[in-house]
C-alpha cells in the first residue's frame, strides 16, 4: 500500500488486507484513527472499491455529507472487511 500511511513497524506482522465498497451515491471519506501512531484517510467515490491494510482492532469510520458538513455514518471493525482468498479458477482454452 502507500508508504505515506505505513502501518507502524511493530504491527507489520499483524496486518490485515481489507476491502470496502462505497455502495452509495455520495462521496465518502473513510478514516482509521483508533490505532496508536497511525492515521489512515481516503476519499471513496460512489461505486469505488478501496483495498487497504489495517491491524486487528482497527475501525473504519465512514463519513458522508455535503460540501461543508460531514456526518459519521458508520464504524466498521476492519476484521469484518477482510479480503478472503478464493479457490483458483482454472481457465481452459
C-alpha atoms as a PDB file:
ATOM      1  CA  UNK A   1       0.000   0.000   0.000  1.00  0.00           C
ATOM      2  CA  UNK A   2       1.284   3.570   0.370  1.00  0.00           C
ATOM      3  CA  UNK A   3       4.389   4.354   2.430  1.00  0.00           C
ATOM      4  CA  UNK A   4       2.746   7.643   3.376  1.00  0.00           C
ATOM      5  CA  UNK A   5       0.310   5.691   5.568  1.00  0.00           C
ATOM      6  CA  UNK A   6       2.614   2.874   6.593  1.00  0.00           C
ATOM      7  CA  UNK A   7       1.454   0.680   9.461  1.00  0.00           C
ATOM      8  CA  UNK A   8       3.786   1.065  12.470  1.00  0.00           C
ATOM      9  CA  UNK A   9       6.688  -1.429  12.266  1.00  0.00           C
ATOM     10  CA  UNK A  10       5.775  -3.272  15.460  1.00  0.00           C
ATOM     11  CA  UNK A  11       2.376  -4.153  13.949  1.00  0.00           C
ATOM     12  CA  UNK A  12       3.519  -5.225  10.457  1.00  0.00           C
ATOM     13  CA  UNK A  13       3.238  -8.949  11.188  1.00  0.00           C
ATOM     14  CA  UNK A  14      -0.400  -8.496  12.241  1.00  0.00           C
ATOM     15  CA  UNK A  15      -1.647  -6.618   9.182  1.00  0.00           C
ATOM     16  CA  UNK A  16      -4.976  -7.448   7.567  1.00  0.00           C
ATOM     17  CA  UNK A  17      -5.907  -6.923   3.920  1.00  0.00           C
ATOM     18  CA  UNK A  18      -9.351  -5.343   3.821  1.00  0.00           C
ATOM     19  CA  UNK A  19     -11.858  -4.181   1.232  1.00  0.00           C
ATOM     20  CA  UNK A  20     -14.590  -1.549   1.418  1.00  0.00           C
ATOM     21  CA  UNK A  21     -17.049  -0.580  -1.353  1.00  0.00           C
ATOM     22  CA  UNK A  22     -18.918   2.704  -1.362  1.00  0.00           C
ATOM     23  CA  UNK A  23     -22.362   1.420  -2.344  1.00  0.00           C
ATOM     24  CA  UNK A  24     -23.972   4.861  -2.003  1.00  0.00           C
ATOM     25  CA  UNK A  25     -24.443   7.682  -4.485  1.00  0.00           C
ATOM     26  CA  UNK A  26     -22.419  10.074  -2.291  1.00  0.00           C
ATOM     27  CA  UNK A  27     -18.709  10.683  -1.913  1.00  0.00           C
ATOM     28  CA  UNK A  28     -17.452   9.288   1.384  1.00  0.00           C
ATOM     29  CA  UNK A  29     -14.375   9.922   3.487  1.00  0.00           C
ATOM     30  CA  UNK A  30     -13.164   6.794   5.273  1.00  0.00           C
ATOM     31  CA  UNK A  31     -10.769   7.007   8.157  1.00  0.00           C
ATOM     32  CA  UNK A  32      -8.977   4.845  10.726  1.00  0.00           C
ATOM     33  CA  UNK A  33      -7.984   6.925  13.728  1.00  0.00           C
ATOM     34  CA  UNK A  34      -8.049   4.466  16.637  1.00  0.00           C
ATOM     35  CA  UNK A  35      -4.584   2.923  16.050  1.00  0.00           C
ATOM     36  CA  UNK A  36      -1.738   4.479  18.028  1.00  0.00           C
ATOM     37  CA  UNK A  37       0.934   6.209  15.879  1.00  0.00           C
ATOM     38  CA  UNK A  38      -1.055   5.680  12.672  1.00  0.00           C
ATOM     39  CA  UNK A  39      -3.736   7.580  10.799  1.00  0.00           C
ATOM     40  CA  UNK A  40      -5.407   6.500   7.549  1.00  0.00           C
ATOM     41  CA  UNK A  41      -7.856   8.579   5.499  1.00  0.00           C
ATOM     42  CA  UNK A  42      -9.153   8.260   1.926  1.00  0.00           C
ATOM     43  CA  UNK A  43     -11.901   9.681  -0.259  1.00  0.00           C
ATOM     44  CA  UNK A  44     -14.059   6.921  -1.777  1.00  0.00           C
ATOM     45  CA  UNK A  45     -16.268   7.790  -4.742  1.00  0.00           C
ATOM     46  CA  UNK A  46     -19.675   6.173  -5.398  1.00  0.00           C
ATOM     47  CA  UNK A  47     -19.205   2.585  -6.590  1.00  0.00           C
ATOM     48  CA  UNK A  48     -15.462   2.627  -5.866  1.00  0.00           C
ATOM     49  CA  UNK A  49     -13.745  -0.279  -4.074  1.00  0.00           C
ATOM     50  CA  UNK A  50     -10.945   0.525  -1.646  1.00  0.00           C
ATOM     51  CA  UNK A  51      -8.372  -2.156  -0.793  1.00  0.00           C
ATOM     52  CA  UNK A  52      -6.251  -1.264   2.224  1.00  0.00           C
ATOM     53  CA  UNK A  53      -4.188  -2.745   5.030  1.00  0.00           C
ATOM     54  CA  UNK A  54      -5.052  -2.394   8.698  1.00  0.00           C
ATOM     55  CA  UNK A  55      -4.258  -4.065  12.003  1.00  0.00           C
ATOM     56  CA  UNK A  56      -6.519  -6.092  14.313  1.00  0.00           C
ATOM     57  CA  UNK A  57      -8.691  -3.771  16.372  1.00  0.00           C
ATOM     58  CA  UNK A  58      -8.730  -1.018  13.743  1.00  0.00           C
ATOM     59  CA  UNK A  59     -12.119   0.523  12.998  1.00  0.00           C
ATOM     60  CA  UNK A  60     -13.022   2.092   9.664  1.00  0.00           C
ATOM     61  CA  UNK A  61     -15.116   5.233  10.114  1.00  0.00           C
ATOM     62  CA  UNK A  62     -17.405   6.098   7.196  1.00  0.00           C
ATOM     63  CA  UNK A  63     -18.132   9.827   6.860  1.00  0.00           C
ATOM     64  CA  UNK A  64     -20.723  11.155   4.423  1.00  0.00           C
ATOM     65  CA  UNK A  65     -22.105  14.591   3.848  1.00  0.00           C
ATOM     66  CA  UNK A  66     -22.312  17.649   1.670  1.00  0.00           C
ATOM     67  CA  UNK A  67     -19.858  20.440   0.912  1.00  0.00           C
ATOM     68  CA  UNK A  68     -19.242  21.966   4.346  1.00  0.00           C
ATOM     69  CA  UNK A  69     -20.508  19.247   6.664  1.00  0.00           C
ATOM     70  CA  UNK A  70     -19.677  15.660   7.429  1.00  0.00           C
ATOM     71  CA  UNK A  71     -21.613  13.040   9.354  1.00  0.00           C
ATOM     72  CA  UNK A  72     -20.147   9.877  10.849  1.00  0.00           C
ATOM     73  CA  UNK A  73     -22.494   7.396   9.182  1.00  0.00           C
ATOM     74  CA  UNK A  74     -20.949   4.117  10.336  1.00  0.00           C
ATOM     75  CA  UNK A  75     -17.973   2.498  12.074  1.00  0.00           C
ATOM     76  CA  UNK A  76     -16.954  -0.979  10.885  1.00  0.00           C
ATOM     77  CA  UNK A  77     -14.358  -3.237  12.567  1.00  0.00           C
ATOM     78  CA  UNK A  78     -11.710  -3.990   9.921  1.00  0.00           C
ATOM     79  CA  UNK A  79     -11.917  -7.700  10.780  1.00  0.00           C
ATOM     80  CA  UNK A  80     -15.362  -7.640   9.096  1.00  0.00           C
ATOM     81  CA  UNK A  81     -13.823  -6.229   5.895  1.00  0.00           C
ATOM     82  CA  UNK A  82     -11.176  -8.940   5.411  1.00  0.00           C
ATOM     83  CA  UNK A  83     -10.380  -9.990   1.874  1.00  0.00           C
ATOM     84  CA  UNK A  84     -10.891 -13.737   1.678  1.00  0.00           C
ATOM     85  CA  UNK A  85      -8.782 -15.833  -0.670  1.00  0.00           C
ATOM     86  CA  UNK A  86     -10.827 -17.871  -3.095  1.00  0.00           C
ATOM     87  CA  UNK A  87     -10.088 -21.133  -4.862  1.00  0.00           C
ATOM     88  CA  UNK A  88      -8.012 -20.633  -8.016  1.00  0.00           C
ATOM     89  CA  UNK A  89     -10.054 -20.699 -11.193  1.00  0.00           C
ATOM     90  CA  UNK A  90      -8.822 -22.948 -13.985  1.00  0.00           C
ATOM     91  CA  UNK A  91      -9.219 -21.487 -17.450  1.00  0.00           C
ATOM     92  CA  UNK A  92      -9.415 -23.960 -20.305  1.00  0.00           C
ATOM     93  CA  UNK A  93      -8.624 -22.570 -23.731  1.00  0.00           C
END
